[in-house]
Amino acid sequence: MVFAITVVPLAEVFALEFTAPLWVLLLAPLVLGEPLSKTRMLAGALGLLGVLLVTRPTPDTLSWGVVAGAMAAIGFAGSIMATKKLTRSETIWTVLFYMTLMQLVFGAVCAGADGDIALPSFSNMPWVVLIACAGLFAHLCLTSALSLAPATVVVPVDLLRLPVIMLVGFSLYGEVIDIYVVLGALVIFGANYINIWIETRAVKPASKGAEPTG
């Protein structure tokens, strides 16, 4: 994804990244054995429509940057499904520990690939710590969510990151929010609300039926 950001317009990179939930919806029945209901398919399709409304990627010729962005989305979907599978037999903290340890090793190898590891300055260190804590907290929330609900329910909610980041860009960097951003955000929110509302209604009758009668 980092390579794609350097060679492809950000709008296209965002559009490619947010195809990951669709890959999860398609592959979860095969990898995790989770059913692919019509509601989940609708949520994924509406989520993608909302993403396209917000980003409005322009048609472009196929490039290595586009391929890299698409492969990153598939890799992220694979990571989510692997995390879900691990939460069935391992604790959340075990998953987070080994994930962080592996990222530390891979990060050190990649940073030193050119023989020169640049250390952050003292003034930049608080931002590095903030990014690290925010990233770890995000993984904790995602792992916790996957341990409590099917991946096909959790992942469409991730699409909410796009309208949220648009609001952050508007409030902190003065980026313009046009009608397409508003419409896309509403579509994404509506898709997630419908998906969660129907899923919770499906769980309640089953839970009541499981209660002891005597």
N, C-alpha and C. Protein backbone atom coordinates (compact mmCIF):
# COMPACT_ATOMS: atom_id res chain seq x y z
N MET A 1 0.82 -1.20 0.00
CA MET A 1 0.00 0.00 0.00
C MET A 1 0.86 1.26 0.00
N VAL A 2 1.99 1.22 0.71
CA VAL A 2 2.87 2.39 0.75
C VAL A 2 3.38 2.71 -0.65
N PHE A 3 3.75 1.67 -1.41
CA PHE A 3 4.22 1.88 -2.79
C PHE A 3 3.10 2.48 -3.65
N ALA A 4 1.87 1.97 -3.47
CA ALA A 4 0.75 2.47 -4.27
C ALA A 4 0.50 3.95 -4.01
N ILE A 5 0.65 4.38 -2.75
CA ILE A 5 0.42 5.79 -2.41
C ILE A 5 1.40 6.70 -3.15
N THR A 6 2.61 6.21 -3.39
CA THR A 6 3.64 7.05 -4.03
C THR A 6 3.46 7.17 -5.53
N VAL A 7 2.70 6.28 -6.16
CA VAL A 7 2.62 6.28 -7.62
C VAL A 7 1.19 6.39 -8.16
N VAL A 8 0.19 6.30 -7.29
CA VAL A 8 -1.21 6.33 -7.72
C VAL A 8 -1.93 7.44 -6.97
N PRO A 9 -2.86 8.17 -7.60
CA PRO A 9 -3.63 9.20 -6.90
C PRO A 9 -4.31 8.63 -5.66
N LEU A 10 -4.36 9.43 -4.60
CA LEU A 10 -4.89 8.96 -3.33
C LEU A 10 -6.34 8.47 -3.45
N ALA A 11 -7.13 9.12 -4.28
CA ALA A 11 -8.53 8.70 -4.44
C ALA A 11 -8.61 7.26 -4.90
N GLU A 12 -7.75 6.89 -5.84
CA GLU A 12 -7.76 5.52 -6.34
C GLU A 12 -7.23 4.55 -5.29
N VAL A 13 -6.22 4.99 -4.53
CA VAL A 13 -5.67 4.13 -3.48
C VAL A 13 -6.74 3.83 -2.44
N PHE A 14 -7.49 4.86 -2.03
CA PHE A 14 -8.56 4.64 -1.06
C PHE A 14 -9.62 3.70 -1.62
N ALA A 15 -9.99 3.90 -2.88
CA ALA A 15 -11.01 3.04 -3.49
C ALA A 15 -10.54 1.58 -3.51
N LEU A 16 -9.26 1.37 -3.82
CA LEU A 16 -8.72 0.01 -3.86
C LEU A 16 -8.66 -0.59 -2.45
N GLU A 17 -8.21 0.21 -1.49
CA GLU A 17 -8.08 -0.30 -0.12
C GLU A 17 -9.42 -0.75 0.44
N PHE A 18 -10.47 0.00 0.14
CA PHE A 18 -11.77 -0.31 0.72
C PHE A 18 -12.55 -1.36 -0.06
N THR A 19 -11.86 -2.08 -0.97
CA THR A 19 -12.46 -3.29 -1.53
C THR A 19 -12.18 -4.49 -0.63
N ALA A 20 -11.35 -4.31 0.41
CA ALA A 20 -11.03 -5.42 1.34
C ALA A 20 -12.28 -6.02 1.97
N PRO A 21 -13.26 -5.22 2.44
CA PRO A 21 -14.47 -5.83 3.01
C PRO A 21 -15.20 -6.73 2.03
N LEU A 22 -15.18 -6.39 0.74
CA LEU A 22 -15.84 -7.24 -0.24
C LEU A 22 -15.12 -8.57 -0.38
N TRP A 23 -13.78 -8.56 -0.31
CA TRP A 23 -13.02 -9.81 -0.36
C TRP A 23 -13.34 -10.67 0.85
N VAL A 24 -13.51 -10.04 2.00
CA VAL A 24 -13.86 -10.81 3.21
C VAL A 24 -15.25 -11.42 3.05
N LEU A 25 -16.20 -10.64 2.54
CA LEU A 25 -17.55 -11.15 2.34
C LEU A 25 -17.56 -12.34 1.38
N LEU A 26 -16.71 -12.29 0.35
CA LEU A 26 -16.67 -13.36 -0.64
C LEU A 26 -15.92 -14.59 -0.16
N LEU A 27 -14.83 -14.38 0.60
CA LEU A 27 -13.96 -15.48 0.98
C LEU A 27 -14.28 -16.09 2.34
N ALA A 28 -14.97 -15.33 3.21
CA ALA A 28 -15.28 -15.83 4.55
C ALA A 28 -16.07 -17.14 4.53
N PRO A 29 -17.04 -17.31 3.62
CA PRO A 29 -17.73 -18.61 3.59
C PRO A 29 -16.79 -19.78 3.28
N LEU A 30 -15.76 -19.55 2.48
CA LEU A 30 -14.83 -20.62 2.12
C LEU A 30 -13.78 -20.85 3.20
N VAL A 31 -13.26 -19.75 3.78
CA VAL A 31 -12.16 -19.85 4.74
C VAL A 31 -12.68 -20.07 6.17
N LEU A 32 -13.74 -19.36 6.54
CA LEU A 32 -14.23 -19.40 7.92
C LEU A 32 -15.52 -20.18 8.09
N GLY A 33 -16.14 -20.55 6.98
CA GLY A 33 -17.41 -21.26 7.07
C GLY A 33 -18.57 -20.39 7.48
N GLU A 34 -18.44 -19.07 7.34
CA GLU A 34 -19.54 -18.17 7.70
C GLU A 34 -20.50 -18.03 6.52
N PRO A 35 -21.80 -18.06 6.79
CA PRO A 35 -22.77 -17.96 5.69
C PRO A 35 -22.76 -16.58 5.05
N LEU A 36 -22.98 -16.54 3.76
CA LEU A 36 -23.04 -15.28 3.02
C LEU A 36 -24.50 -14.97 2.74
N SER A 37 -25.11 -14.23 3.65
CA SER A 37 -26.54 -13.91 3.51
C SER A 37 -26.75 -12.78 2.52
N LYS A 38 -28.00 -12.62 2.11
CA LYS A 38 -28.34 -11.54 1.19
C LYS A 38 -28.10 -10.17 1.85
N THR A 39 -28.34 -10.11 3.16
CA THR A 39 -28.13 -8.84 3.88
C THR A 39 -26.67 -8.44 3.85
N ARG A 40 -25.77 -9.40 4.09
CA ARG A 40 -24.35 -9.11 4.09
C ARG A 40 -23.86 -8.74 2.70
N MET A 41 -24.39 -9.40 1.68
CA MET A 41 -24.04 -9.05 0.30
C MET A 41 -24.50 -7.63 -0.01
N LEU A 42 -25.71 -7.29 0.46
CA LEU A 42 -26.23 -5.93 0.22
C LEU A 42 -25.38 -4.89 0.94
N ALA A 43 -24.98 -5.19 2.18
CA ALA A 43 -24.14 -4.26 2.93
C ALA A 43 -22.81 -4.03 2.23
N GLY A 44 -22.20 -5.10 1.72
CA GLY A 44 -20.93 -4.96 1.02
C GLY A 44 -21.07 -4.15 -0.27
N ALA A 45 -22.14 -4.42 -1.03
CA ALA A 45 -22.35 -3.71 -2.29
C ALA A 45 -22.62 -2.23 -2.04
N LEU A 46 -23.47 -1.92 -1.04
CA LEU A 46 -23.76 -0.52 -0.73
C LEU A 46 -22.52 0.18 -0.17
N GLY A 47 -21.73 -0.55 0.63
CA GLY A 47 -20.49 0.03 1.14
C GLY A 47 -19.55 0.42 0.03
N LEU A 48 -19.41 -0.46 -0.96
CA LEU A 48 -18.55 -0.15 -2.10
C LEU A 48 -19.09 1.03 -2.88
N LEU A 49 -20.42 1.10 -3.04
CA LEU A 49 -21.02 2.24 -3.74
C LEU A 49 -20.72 3.54 -3.00
N GLY A 50 -20.81 3.50 -1.67
CA GLY A 50 -20.50 4.69 -0.88
C GLY A 50 -19.05 5.11 -1.03
N VAL A 51 -18.15 4.13 -1.03
CA VAL A 51 -16.72 4.43 -1.22
C VAL A 51 -16.48 5.09 -2.57
N LEU A 52 -17.11 4.56 -3.61
CA LEU A 52 -16.92 5.11 -4.95
C LEU A 52 -17.52 6.52 -5.05
N LEU A 53 -18.61 6.78 -4.33
CA LEU A 53 -19.19 8.12 -4.32
C LEU A 53 -18.24 9.12 -3.67
N VAL A 54 -17.59 8.69 -2.60
CA VAL A 54 -16.69 9.59 -1.88
C VAL A 54 -15.40 9.83 -2.66
N THR A 55 -14.80 8.75 -3.15
CA THR A 55 -13.48 8.88 -3.79
C THR A 55 -13.57 9.23 -5.26
N ARG A 56 -14.61 8.75 -5.96
CA ARG A 56 -14.79 8.99 -7.39
C ARG A 56 -13.48 8.79 -8.15
N PRO A 57 -12.92 7.58 -8.11
CA PRO A 57 -11.65 7.35 -8.81
C PRO A 57 -11.81 7.51 -10.31
N THR A 58 -10.85 8.16 -10.92
CA THR A 58 -10.90 8.39 -12.37
C THR A 58 -10.34 7.17 -13.10
N PRO A 59 -10.91 6.85 -14.26
CA PRO A 59 -10.38 5.73 -15.04
C PRO A 59 -8.92 5.97 -15.40
N ASP A 60 -8.12 4.96 -15.25
CA ASP A 60 -6.69 5.11 -15.53
C ASP A 60 -6.18 3.79 -16.08
N THR A 61 -5.07 3.85 -16.74
CA THR A 61 -4.48 2.63 -17.26
C THR A 61 -3.92 1.79 -16.12
N LEU A 62 -3.92 0.49 -16.34
CA LEU A 62 -3.40 -0.43 -15.33
C LEU A 62 -1.91 -0.18 -15.13
N SER A 63 -1.50 -0.06 -13.88
CA SER A 63 -0.10 0.18 -13.55
C SER A 63 0.29 -0.69 -12.37
N TRP A 64 1.59 -0.73 -12.06
CA TRP A 64 2.06 -1.50 -10.92
C TRP A 64 1.53 -0.93 -9.62
N GLY A 65 1.29 0.38 -9.59
CA GLY A 65 0.73 0.98 -8.40
C GLY A 65 -0.69 0.49 -8.14
N VAL A 66 -1.50 0.39 -9.20
CA VAL A 66 -2.86 -0.12 -9.07
C VAL A 66 -2.84 -1.58 -8.63
N VAL A 67 -1.95 -2.36 -9.24
CA VAL A 67 -1.82 -3.77 -8.86
C VAL A 67 -1.42 -3.89 -7.39
N ALA A 68 -0.47 -3.06 -6.96
CA ALA A 68 -0.01 -3.09 -5.57
C ALA A 68 -1.14 -2.74 -4.61
N GLY A 69 -1.95 -1.73 -4.95
CA GLY A 69 -3.07 -1.35 -4.10
C GLY A 69 -4.11 -2.45 -4.01
N ALA A 70 -4.40 -3.10 -5.14
CA ALA A 70 -5.37 -4.19 -5.14
C ALA A 70 -4.86 -5.38 -4.34
N MET A 71 -3.58 -5.72 -4.48
CA MET A 71 -3.01 -6.83 -3.73
C MET A 71 -2.98 -6.53 -2.23
N ALA A 72 -2.76 -5.25 -1.87
CA ALA A 72 -2.77 -4.87 -0.46
C ALA A 72 -4.15 -5.08 0.14
N ALA A 73 -5.19 -4.76 -0.61
CA ALA A 73 -6.56 -4.96 -0.12
C ALA A 73 -6.83 -6.44 0.11
N ILE A 74 -6.38 -7.28 -0.82
CA ILE A 74 -6.56 -8.73 -0.65
C ILE A 74 -5.76 -9.23 0.55
N GLY A 75 -4.55 -8.70 0.72
CA GLY A 75 -3.73 -9.09 1.87
C GLY A 75 -4.37 -8.68 3.19
N PHE A 76 -4.97 -7.50 3.23
CA PHE A 76 -5.64 -7.04 4.44
C PHE A 76 -6.85 -7.92 4.75
N ALA A 77 -7.58 -8.31 3.71
CA ALA A 77 -8.71 -9.22 3.91
C ALA A 77 -8.24 -10.56 4.46
N GLY A 78 -7.10 -11.05 3.92
CA GLY A 78 -6.54 -12.30 4.44
C GLY A 78 -6.12 -12.18 5.89
N SER A 79 -5.57 -11.03 6.26
CA SER A 79 -5.17 -10.79 7.64
C SER A 79 -6.38 -10.82 8.58
N ILE A 80 -7.48 -10.23 8.15
CA ILE A 80 -8.69 -10.21 8.96
C ILE A 80 -9.22 -11.62 9.18
N MET A 81 -9.24 -12.42 8.10
CA MET A 81 -9.77 -13.77 8.23
C MET A 81 -8.85 -14.65 9.07
N ALA A 82 -7.54 -14.45 8.95
CA ALA A 82 -6.60 -15.20 9.78
C ALA A 82 -6.77 -14.84 11.25
N THR A 83 -6.98 -13.55 11.52
CA THR A 83 -7.20 -13.10 12.90
C THR A 83 -8.47 -13.72 13.47
N LYS A 84 -9.53 -13.73 12.66
CA LYS A 84 -10.78 -14.34 13.10
C LYS A 84 -10.59 -15.82 13.42
N LYS A 85 -9.85 -16.50 12.59
CA LYS A 85 -9.61 -17.93 12.79
C LYS A 85 -8.80 -18.17 14.07
N LEU A 86 -7.82 -17.30 14.33
CA LEU A 86 -6.99 -17.44 15.52
C LEU A 86 -7.78 -17.19 16.81
N THR A 87 -8.74 -16.24 16.74
CA THR A 87 -9.50 -15.92 17.95
C THR A 87 -10.38 -17.08 18.41
N ARG A 88 -10.56 -18.07 17.55
CA ARG A 88 -11.36 -19.23 17.94
C ARG A 88 -10.59 -20.16 18.88
N SER A 89 -9.26 -20.07 18.85
CA SER A 89 -8.47 -20.97 19.69
C SER A 89 -7.46 -20.24 20.58
N GLU A 90 -7.18 -18.95 20.29
CA GLU A 90 -6.20 -18.18 21.05
C GLU A 90 -6.85 -16.96 21.68
N THR A 91 -6.24 -16.45 22.74
CA THR A 91 -6.75 -15.23 23.36
C THR A 91 -6.39 -14.01 22.51
N ILE A 92 -7.10 -12.92 22.75
CA ILE A 92 -6.86 -11.68 22.02
C ILE A 92 -5.43 -11.19 22.25
N TRP A 93 -4.96 -11.30 23.49
CA TRP A 93 -3.63 -10.79 23.83
C TRP A 93 -2.53 -11.62 23.19
N THR A 94 -2.76 -12.91 23.03
CA THR A 94 -1.77 -13.75 22.34
C THR A 94 -1.64 -13.35 20.89
N VAL A 95 -2.79 -13.12 20.24
CA VAL A 95 -2.78 -12.70 18.84
C VAL A 95 -2.06 -11.36 18.69
N LEU A 96 -2.38 -10.41 19.56
CA LEU A 96 -1.76 -9.09 19.49
C LEU A 96 -0.26 -9.15 19.74
N PHE A 97 0.16 -9.99 20.70
CA PHE A 97 1.59 -10.07 21.04
C PHE A 97 2.40 -10.55 19.84
N TYR A 98 1.99 -11.66 19.26
CA TYR A 98 2.77 -12.21 18.15
C TYR A 98 2.65 -11.36 16.89
N MET A 99 1.49 -10.72 16.70
CA MET A 99 1.35 -9.81 15.56
C MET A 99 2.32 -8.64 15.69
N THR A 100 2.39 -8.06 16.90
CA THR A 100 3.31 -6.94 17.13
C THR A 100 4.76 -7.37 17.01
N LEU A 101 5.07 -8.55 17.52
CA LEU A 101 6.44 -9.06 17.44
C LEU A 101 6.86 -9.27 15.99
N MET A 102 5.98 -9.84 15.18
CA MET A 102 6.29 -10.06 13.77
C MET A 102 6.46 -8.74 13.03
N GLN A 103 5.59 -7.76 13.34
CA GLN A 103 5.71 -6.46 12.69
C GLN A 103 7.02 -5.77 13.07
N LEU A 104 7.47 -5.96 14.31
CA LEU A 104 8.73 -5.39 14.75
C LEU A 104 9.89 -5.95 13.93
N VAL A 105 9.88 -7.26 13.75
CA VAL A 105 10.96 -7.91 12.99
C VAL A 105 10.92 -7.49 11.53
N PHE A 106 9.73 -7.57 10.92
CA PHE A 106 9.61 -7.20 9.51
C PHE A 106 9.94 -5.73 9.29
N GLY A 107 9.50 -4.86 10.23
CA GLY A 107 9.79 -3.44 10.11
C GLY A 107 11.28 -3.16 10.18
N ALA A 108 11.99 -3.85 11.09
CA ALA A 108 13.43 -3.64 11.22
C ALA A 108 14.16 -4.12 9.97
N VAL A 109 13.72 -5.24 9.42
CA VAL A 109 14.35 -5.77 8.20
C VAL A 109 14.15 -4.82 7.03
N CYS A 110 12.91 -4.35 6.85
CA CYS A 110 12.62 -3.45 5.73
C CYS A 110 13.31 -2.10 5.90
N ALA A 111 13.34 -1.58 7.15
CA ALA A 111 13.98 -0.29 7.39
C ALA A 111 15.48 -0.36 7.15
N GLY A 112 16.09 -1.52 7.43
CA GLY A 112 17.53 -1.66 7.25
C GLY A 112 17.95 -2.29 5.95
N ALA A 113 16.99 -2.44 5.02
CA ALA A 113 17.31 -3.09 3.75
C ALA A 113 18.37 -2.32 2.96
N ASP A 114 18.38 -0.99 3.11
CA ASP A 114 19.36 -0.18 2.38
C ASP A 114 20.61 0.10 3.22
N GLY A 115 20.70 -0.53 4.38
CA GLY A 115 21.87 -0.36 5.24
C GLY A 115 21.88 0.90 6.05
N ASP A 116 20.76 1.62 6.08
CA ASP A 116 20.70 2.89 6.82
C ASP A 116 19.34 3.03 7.46
N ILE A 117 19.26 2.85 8.78
CA ILE A 117 18.01 3.00 9.51
C ILE A 117 17.98 4.41 10.11
N ALA A 118 17.06 5.22 9.63
CA ALA A 118 16.93 6.60 10.10
C ALA A 118 16.07 6.64 11.35
N LEU A 119 16.62 7.13 12.44
CA LEU A 119 15.88 7.23 13.69
C LEU A 119 15.10 8.54 13.74
N PRO A 120 13.90 8.54 14.34
CA PRO A 120 13.12 9.79 14.43
C PRO A 120 13.79 10.79 15.35
N SER A 121 13.62 12.06 15.03
CA SER A 121 14.18 13.11 15.88
C SER A 121 13.40 13.21 17.19
N PHE A 122 13.96 13.91 18.15
CA PHE A 122 13.31 14.06 19.46
C PHE A 122 11.96 14.75 19.33
N SER A 123 11.87 15.73 18.42
CA SER A 123 10.62 16.47 18.25
C SER A 123 9.53 15.61 17.59
N ASN A 124 9.95 14.62 16.78
CA ASN A 124 8.99 13.75 16.11
C ASN A 124 8.59 12.53 16.94
N MET A 125 9.34 12.26 18.00
CA MET A 125 9.09 11.06 18.79
C MET A 125 7.68 10.99 19.36
N PRO A 126 7.11 12.09 19.89
CA PRO A 126 5.72 11.99 20.39
C PRO A 126 4.73 11.55 19.32
N TRP A 127 4.93 12.01 18.07
CA TRP A 127 4.04 11.60 17.00
C TRP A 127 4.22 10.12 16.67
N VAL A 128 5.45 9.64 16.74
CA VAL A 128 5.70 8.22 16.50
C VAL A 128 5.01 7.37 17.57
N VAL A 129 5.12 7.81 18.83
CA VAL A 129 4.47 7.09 19.93
C VAL A 129 2.95 7.11 19.76
N LEU A 130 2.41 8.27 19.35
CA LEU A 130 0.96 8.39 19.14
C LEU A 130 0.49 7.44 18.05
N ILE A 131 1.23 7.39 16.93
CA ILE A 131 0.88 6.49 15.84
C ILE A 131 0.92 5.04 16.29
N ALA A 132 1.97 4.69 17.06
CA ALA A 132 2.12 3.32 17.54
C ALA A 132 0.96 2.94 18.46
N CYS A 133 0.61 3.82 19.39
CA CYS A 133 -0.48 3.53 20.32
C CYS A 133 -1.82 3.45 19.60
N ALA A 134 -2.05 4.36 18.66
CA ALA A 134 -3.31 4.35 17.91
C ALA A 134 -3.42 3.07 17.08
N GLY A 135 -2.32 2.67 16.44
CA GLY A 135 -2.33 1.45 15.64
C GLY A 135 -2.59 0.22 16.48
N LEU A 136 -1.93 0.15 17.64
CA LEU A 136 -2.12 -1.01 18.53
C LEU A 136 -3.55 -1.05 19.06
N PHE A 137 -4.09 0.11 19.42
CA PHE A 137 -5.46 0.17 19.92
C PHE A 137 -6.45 -0.24 18.83
N ALA A 138 -6.17 0.17 17.59
CA ALA A 138 -7.05 -0.21 16.48
C ALA A 138 -7.06 -1.72 16.29
N HIS A 139 -5.88 -2.34 16.35
CA HIS A 139 -5.80 -3.80 16.21
C HIS A 139 -6.48 -4.50 17.39
N LEU A 140 -6.38 -3.92 18.59
CA LEU A 140 -7.05 -4.50 19.74
C LEU A 140 -8.56 -4.47 19.55
N CYS A 141 -9.08 -3.35 19.08
CA CYS A 141 -10.52 -3.24 18.84
C CYS A 141 -10.98 -4.21 17.75
N LEU A 142 -10.21 -4.29 16.66
CA LEU A 142 -10.59 -5.18 15.56
C LEU A 142 -10.54 -6.64 15.99
N THR A 143 -9.49 -7.03 16.72
CA THR A 143 -9.37 -8.41 17.19
C THR A 143 -10.50 -8.74 18.17
N SER A 144 -10.83 -7.80 19.05
CA SER A 144 -11.92 -8.01 20.01
C SER A 144 -13.25 -8.17 19.27
N ALA A 145 -13.47 -7.33 18.27
CA ALA A 145 -14.72 -7.41 17.50
C ALA A 145 -14.83 -8.75 16.77
N LEU A 146 -13.72 -9.20 16.20
CA LEU A 146 -13.73 -10.47 15.46
C LEU A 146 -13.94 -11.65 16.38
N SER A 147 -13.56 -11.51 17.65
CA SER A 147 -13.78 -12.60 18.60
C SER A 147 -15.23 -12.67 19.06
N LEU A 148 -15.99 -11.61 18.82
CA LEU A 148 -17.38 -11.54 19.29
C LEU A 148 -18.41 -11.70 18.19
N ALA A 149 -18.03 -11.42 16.94
CA ALA A 149 -19.01 -11.44 15.85
C ALA A 149 -18.37 -11.99 14.58
N PRO A 150 -19.18 -12.46 13.63
CA PRO A 150 -18.65 -12.96 12.37
C PRO A 150 -17.89 -11.88 11.61
N ALA A 151 -16.88 -12.28 10.87
CA ALA A 151 -16.10 -11.32 10.10
C ALA A 151 -16.95 -10.60 9.07
N THR A 152 -17.96 -11.28 8.53
CA THR A 152 -18.82 -10.65 7.53
C THR A 152 -19.71 -9.57 8.13
N VAL A 153 -19.83 -9.54 9.47
CA VAL A 153 -20.56 -8.47 10.14
C VAL A 153 -19.62 -7.34 10.55
N VAL A 154 -18.42 -7.71 11.02
CA VAL A 154 -17.47 -6.72 11.53
C VAL A 154 -16.87 -5.88 10.41
N VAL A 155 -16.48 -6.53 9.32
CA VAL A 155 -15.68 -5.85 8.30
C VAL A 155 -16.43 -4.72 7.59
N PRO A 156 -17.72 -4.88 7.24
CA PRO A 156 -18.39 -3.73 6.60
C PRO A 156 -18.37 -2.47 7.45
N VAL A 157 -18.32 -2.60 8.79
CA VAL A 157 -18.25 -1.43 9.66
C VAL A 157 -16.96 -0.65 9.41
N ASP A 158 -15.91 -1.36 8.95
CA ASP A 158 -14.63 -0.72 8.69
C ASP A 158 -14.75 0.34 7.60
N LEU A 159 -15.78 0.23 6.76
CA LEU A 159 -15.98 1.22 5.72
C LEU A 159 -16.27 2.61 6.29
N LEU A 160 -16.69 2.66 7.55
CA LEU A 160 -16.96 3.95 8.18
C LEU A 160 -15.71 4.80 8.33
N ARG A 161 -14.53 4.17 8.21
CA ARG A 161 -13.29 4.94 8.31
C ARG A 161 -13.20 6.02 7.25
N LEU A 162 -13.74 5.75 6.08
CA LEU A 162 -13.59 6.71 4.98
C LEU A 162 -14.32 8.02 5.23
N PRO A 163 -15.64 8.01 5.53
CA PRO A 163 -16.27 9.31 5.85
C PRO A 163 -15.68 9.96 7.09
N VAL A 164 -15.24 9.16 8.07
CA VAL A 164 -14.63 9.75 9.27
C VAL A 164 -13.35 10.48 8.91
N ILE A 165 -12.51 9.88 8.07
CA ILE A 165 -11.25 10.53 7.70
C ILE A 165 -11.51 11.77 6.86
N MET A 166 -12.62 11.76 6.11
CA MET A 166 -12.99 12.96 5.37
C MET A 166 -13.33 14.11 6.32
N LEU A 167 -14.03 13.80 7.42
CA LEU A 167 -14.36 14.82 8.41
C LEU A 167 -13.10 15.33 9.11
N VAL A 168 -12.16 14.42 9.37
CA VAL A 168 -10.89 14.83 9.98
C VAL A 168 -10.14 15.77 9.04
N GLY A 169 -10.12 15.43 7.77
CA GLY A 169 -9.45 16.28 6.79
C GLY A 169 -10.08 17.66 6.70
N PHE A 170 -11.41 17.70 6.83
CA PHE A 170 -12.12 18.99 6.77
C PHE A 170 -11.81 19.85 7.99
N SER A 171 -11.84 19.22 9.19
CA SER A 171 -11.68 19.99 10.42
C SER A 171 -10.23 20.38 10.70
N LEU A 172 -9.28 19.53 10.32
CA LEU A 172 -7.88 19.81 10.64
C LEU A 172 -7.09 20.41 9.48
N TYR A 173 -7.45 20.06 8.24
CA TYR A 173 -6.64 20.49 7.10
C TYR A 173 -7.41 21.34 6.10
N GLY A 174 -8.67 21.64 6.40
CA GLY A 174 -9.43 22.51 5.52
C GLY A 174 -9.78 21.90 4.18
N GLU A 175 -9.83 20.58 4.10
CA GLU A 175 -10.19 19.93 2.85
C GLU A 175 -11.69 20.08 2.61
N VAL A 176 -12.06 20.26 1.35
CA VAL A 176 -13.45 20.53 0.98
C VAL A 176 -14.27 19.24 1.04
N ILE A 177 -15.48 19.34 1.62
CA ILE A 177 -16.43 18.24 1.61
C ILE A 177 -17.57 18.62 0.68
N ASP A 178 -17.70 17.89 -0.44
CA ASP A 178 -18.75 18.22 -1.40
C ASP A 178 -19.93 17.27 -1.22
N ILE A 179 -20.93 17.42 -2.09
CA ILE A 179 -22.17 16.65 -1.98
C ILE A 179 -21.91 15.15 -2.12
N TYR A 180 -20.91 14.78 -2.95
CA TYR A 180 -20.62 13.36 -3.14
C TYR A 180 -20.08 12.73 -1.86
N VAL A 181 -19.29 13.49 -1.11
CA VAL A 181 -18.77 12.98 0.16
C VAL A 181 -19.92 12.74 1.14
N VAL A 182 -20.86 13.68 1.19
CA VAL A 182 -22.01 13.54 2.10
C VAL A 182 -22.87 12.35 1.70
N LEU A 183 -23.17 12.23 0.40
CA LEU A 183 -23.97 11.11 -0.07
C LEU A 183 -23.28 9.77 0.19
N GLY A 184 -21.97 9.72 -0.10
CA GLY A 184 -21.23 8.48 0.13
C GLY A 184 -21.23 8.10 1.60
N ALA A 185 -21.03 9.08 2.48
CA ALA A 185 -21.04 8.80 3.92
C ALA A 185 -22.40 8.28 4.37
N LEU A 186 -23.48 8.86 3.84
CA LEU A 186 -24.82 8.41 4.20
C LEU A 186 -25.08 6.99 3.72
N VAL A 187 -24.62 6.67 2.52
CA VAL A 187 -24.79 5.31 1.98
C VAL A 187 -24.02 4.30 2.82
N ILE A 188 -22.78 4.64 3.19
CA ILE A 188 -21.97 3.74 4.01
C ILE A 188 -22.61 3.53 5.38
N PHE A 189 -23.06 4.62 6.00
CA PHE A 189 -23.71 4.52 7.30
C PHE A 189 -24.99 3.68 7.20
N GLY A 190 -25.78 3.94 6.15
CA GLY A 190 -27.03 3.19 5.97
C GLY A 190 -26.79 1.71 5.77
N ALA A 191 -25.77 1.37 4.98
CA ALA A 191 -25.45 -0.04 4.73
C ALA A 191 -25.08 -0.75 6.03
N ASN A 192 -24.26 -0.11 6.85
CA ASN A 192 -23.86 -0.71 8.12
C ASN A 192 -25.03 -0.79 9.10
N TYR A 193 -25.86 0.23 9.13
CA TYR A 193 -27.00 0.22 10.04
C TYR A 193 -27.96 -0.91 9.69
N ILE A 194 -28.25 -1.07 8.40
CA ILE A 194 -29.16 -2.15 7.96
C ILE A 194 -28.57 -3.51 8.30
N ASN A 195 -27.26 -3.67 8.03
CA ASN A 195 -26.61 -4.96 8.29
C ASN A 195 -26.65 -5.31 9.78
N ILE A 196 -26.27 -4.36 10.63
CA ILE A 196 -26.23 -4.62 12.08
C ILE A 196 -27.64 -4.80 12.63
N TRP A 197 -28.60 -4.01 12.15
CA TRP A 197 -29.98 -4.10 12.64
C TRP A 197 -30.56 -5.48 12.35
N ILE A 198 -30.38 -5.97 11.13
CA ILE A 198 -30.92 -7.28 10.76
C ILE A 198 -30.19 -8.39 11.49
N GLU A 199 -28.85 -8.27 11.63
CA GLU A 199 -28.08 -9.31 12.31
C GLU A 199 -28.50 -9.42 13.78
N THR A 200 -28.69 -8.28 14.44
CA THR A 200 -29.07 -8.32 15.85
C THR A 200 -30.48 -8.86 16.02
N ARG A 201 -31.38 -8.59 15.08
CA ARG A 201 -32.74 -9.15 15.14
C ARG A 201 -32.71 -10.66 14.94
N ALA A 202 -31.74 -11.14 14.16
CA ALA A 202 -31.64 -12.59 13.92
C ALA A 202 -31.08 -13.31 15.13
N VAL A 203 -30.24 -12.62 15.92
CA VAL A 203 -29.60 -13.26 17.08
C VAL A 203 -30.57 -13.35 18.24
N LYS A 204 -31.41 -12.33 18.46
CA LYS A 204 -32.29 -12.29 19.63
C LYS A 204 -33.25 -13.48 19.72
N PRO A 205 -33.95 -13.86 18.63
CA PRO A 205 -34.84 -15.01 18.73
C PRO A 205 -34.10 -16.29 19.08
N ALA A 206 -32.89 -16.46 18.48
CA ALA A 206 -32.10 -17.65 18.76
C ALA A 206 -31.68 -17.70 20.22
N SER A 207 -31.32 -16.52 20.77
CA SER A 207 -30.90 -16.47 22.17
C SER A 207 -32.07 -16.79 23.09
N LYS A 208 -33.26 -16.29 22.75
CA LYS A 208 -34.42 -16.57 23.58
C LYS A 208 -34.78 -18.04 23.55
N GLY A 209 -34.62 -18.63 22.35
CA GLY A 209 -34.95 -20.05 22.23
C GLY A 209 -33.99 -20.93 22.98
N ALA A 210 -32.77 -20.42 23.24
CA ALA A 210 -31.76 -21.22 23.92
C ALA A 210 -31.91 -21.15 25.43
N GLU A 211 -32.78 -20.23 25.94
CA GLU A 211 -32.92 -20.09 27.37
C GLU A 211 -33.64 -21.30 27.96
N PRO A 212 -33.23 -21.76 29.12
CA PRO A 212 -33.91 -22.90 29.75
C PRO A 212 -35.34 -22.54 30.11
N THR A 213 -36.25 -23.47 29.95
CA THR A 213 -37.66 -23.24 30.21
C THR A 213 -38.07 -23.70 31.60
N GLY A 214 -37.32 -24.53 32.23
CA GLY A 214 -37.72 -25.03 33.51
C GLY A 214 -36.72 -24.76 34.58
